[in-house]
C-alpha atoms as a PDB file:
ATOM      1  CA  MET A   1     -47.452  -6.531  55.534  1.00  0.00           C
ATOM      2  CA  THR A   2     -44.998  -5.227  52.957  1.00  0.00           C
ATOM      3  CA  PHE A   3     -41.316  -5.919  52.771  1.00  0.00           C
ATOM      4  CA  GLU A   4     -38.666  -3.377  52.011  1.00  0.00           C
ATOM      5  CA  VAL A   5     -37.104  -4.433  48.748  1.00  0.00           C
ATOM      6  CA  TYR A   6     -35.171  -2.065  46.548  1.00  0.00           C
ATOM      7  CA  CYS A   7     -34.581  -2.627  42.850  1.00  0.00           C
ATOM      8  CA  ILE A   8     -31.466  -1.489  41.049  1.00  0.00           C
ATOM      9  CA  THR A   9     -32.360  -0.678  37.464  1.00  0.00           C
ATOM     10  CA  PHE A  10     -30.857   1.034  34.465  1.00  0.00           C
ATOM     11  CA  ALA A  11     -31.097   4.783  34.921  1.00  0.00           C
ATOM     12  CA  SER A  12     -34.247   6.421  33.617  1.00  0.00           C
ATOM     13  CA  ASN A  13     -32.192   9.288  32.180  1.00  0.00           C
ATOM     14  CA  SER A  14     -28.860   9.638  30.428  1.00  0.00           C
ATOM     15  CA  TYR A  15     -27.206  11.557  33.283  1.00  0.00           C
ATOM     16  CA  ASN A  16     -27.159   8.635  35.730  1.00  0.00           C
ATOM     17  CA  LEU A  17     -25.933   5.057  35.648  1.00  0.00           C
ATOM     18  CA  PHE A  18     -28.523   3.351  37.872  1.00  0.00           C
ATOM     19  CA  ASP A  19     -31.807   4.056  39.610  1.00  0.00           C
ATOM     20  CA  ILE A  20     -32.638   2.671  43.030  1.00  0.00           C
ATOM     21  CA  ILE A  21     -36.382   2.318  43.488  1.00  0.00           C
ATOM     22  CA  ASN A  22     -38.583   0.743  46.103  1.00  0.00           C
ATOM     23  CA  ALA A  23     -40.208  -2.365  44.625  1.00  0.00           C
ATOM     24  CA  ASN A  24     -43.623  -1.122  45.793  1.00  0.00           C
ATOM     25  CA  GLU A  25     -43.336   1.729  43.269  1.00  0.00           C
ATOM     26  CA  LEU A  26     -43.539  -0.751  40.389  1.00  0.00           C
ATOM     27  CA  ILE A  27     -47.335  -0.837  40.760  1.00  0.00           C
ATOM     28  CA  PHE A  28     -47.626   2.786  39.573  1.00  0.00           C
ATOM     29  CA  PRO A  29     -48.862   3.305  35.984  1.00  0.00           C
ATOM     30  CA  TYR A  30     -45.613   5.099  35.083  1.00  0.00           C
ATOM     31  CA  TYR A  31     -43.712   1.815  35.270  1.00  0.00           C
ATOM     32  CA  SER A  32     -46.291  -0.210  33.356  1.00  0.00           C
ATOM     33  CA  LYS A  33     -45.545   1.941  30.300  1.00  0.00           C
ATOM     34  CA  ARG A  34     -41.776   1.505  30.497  1.00  0.00           C
ATOM     35  CA  ASP A  35     -39.324  -1.327  30.123  1.00  0.00           C
ATOM     36  CA  VAL A  36     -37.759  -1.778  33.550  1.00  0.00           C
ATOM     37  CA  TYR A  37     -34.645  -3.949  33.698  1.00  0.00           C
ATOM     38  CA  ILE A  38     -33.935  -5.050  37.242  1.00  0.00           C
ATOM     39  CA  LEU A  39     -30.218  -5.622  37.642  1.00  0.00           C
ATOM     40  CA  GLY A  40     -30.170  -6.256  41.378  1.00  0.00           C
ATOM     41  CA  LEU A  41     -32.280  -6.497  44.533  1.00  0.00           C
ATOM     42  CA  ALA A  42     -31.490  -5.369  48.065  1.00  0.00           C
ATOM     43  CA  GLY A  43     -33.240  -5.464  51.421  1.00  0.00           C
ATOM     44  CA  SER A  44     -32.666  -1.787  52.249  1.00  0.00           C
ATOM     45  CA  LYS A  45     -31.679   1.420  50.510  1.00  0.00           C
ATOM     46  CA  GLY A  46     -28.296   1.283  52.227  1.00  0.00           C
ATOM     47  CA  GLN A  47     -27.689  -2.249  50.968  1.00  0.00           C
ATOM     48  CA  ALA A  48     -28.742  -1.126  47.496  1.00  0.00           C
ATOM     49  CA  LYS A  49     -26.099   1.617  47.552  1.00  0.00           C
ATOM     50  CA  TYR A  50     -23.416  -0.898  48.520  1.00  0.00           C
ATOM     51  CA  LEU A  51     -24.569  -3.240  45.762  1.00  0.00           C
ATOM     52  CA  VAL A  52     -24.402  -0.407  43.211  1.00  0.00           C
ATOM     53  CA  LYS A  53     -20.859   0.357  44.375  1.00  0.00           C
ATOM     54  CA  ASP A  54     -19.880  -3.295  43.970  1.00  0.00           C
ATOM     55  CA  MET A  55     -21.484  -3.443  40.537  1.00  0.00           C
ATOM     56  CA  LEU A  56     -19.649  -0.302  39.414  1.00  0.00           C
ATOM     57  CA  MET A  57     -16.332  -1.627  40.685  1.00  0.00           C
ATOM     58  CA  GLU A  58     -16.860  -4.903  38.810  1.00  0.00           C
ATOM     59  CA  ILE A  59     -17.768  -3.074  35.606  1.00  0.00           C
ATOM     60  CA  TYR A  60     -14.729  -0.795  35.871  1.00  0.00           C
ATOM     61  CA  ASP A  61     -12.364  -3.654  36.776  1.00  0.00           C
ATOM     62  CA  LYS A  62     -13.465  -5.701  33.766  1.00  0.00           C
ATOM     63  CA  THR A  63     -13.848  -2.929  31.185  1.00  0.00           C
ATOM     64  CA  GLY A  64     -11.918   0.133  32.394  1.00  0.00           C
ATOM     65  CA  ASP A  65     -15.069   2.209  31.949  1.00  0.00           C
ATOM     66  CA  PHE A  66     -18.506   2.814  33.448  1.00  0.00           C
ATOM     67  CA  ARG A  67     -20.683   1.854  30.467  1.00  0.00           C
ATOM     68  CA  VAL A  68     -23.354   0.086  32.468  1.00  0.00           C
ATOM     69  CA  ARG A  69     -25.805  -0.628  29.660  1.00  0.00           C
ATOM     70  CA  GLU A  70     -23.117  -2.042  27.397  1.00  0.00           C
ATOM     71  CA  TYR A  71     -21.784  -4.256  30.187  1.00  0.00           C
ATOM     72  CA  PHE A  72     -25.148  -5.827  30.942  1.00  0.00           C
END
């Protein structure tokens, strides 16, 4: 039995702020060759989106910008 867990990570490209990926994807070879920084965990994709929103609001409230990597 697998559980639905979604990871919020730094974006894999410079056009986005975060990636939301299913934790089960971390077993793929692609991820073993990359540094993956997990910034948050959620029990569903919908919860992950709300968590990203909350994270962005916190970052903006404290810094006045959306520089995610610099904040963390």
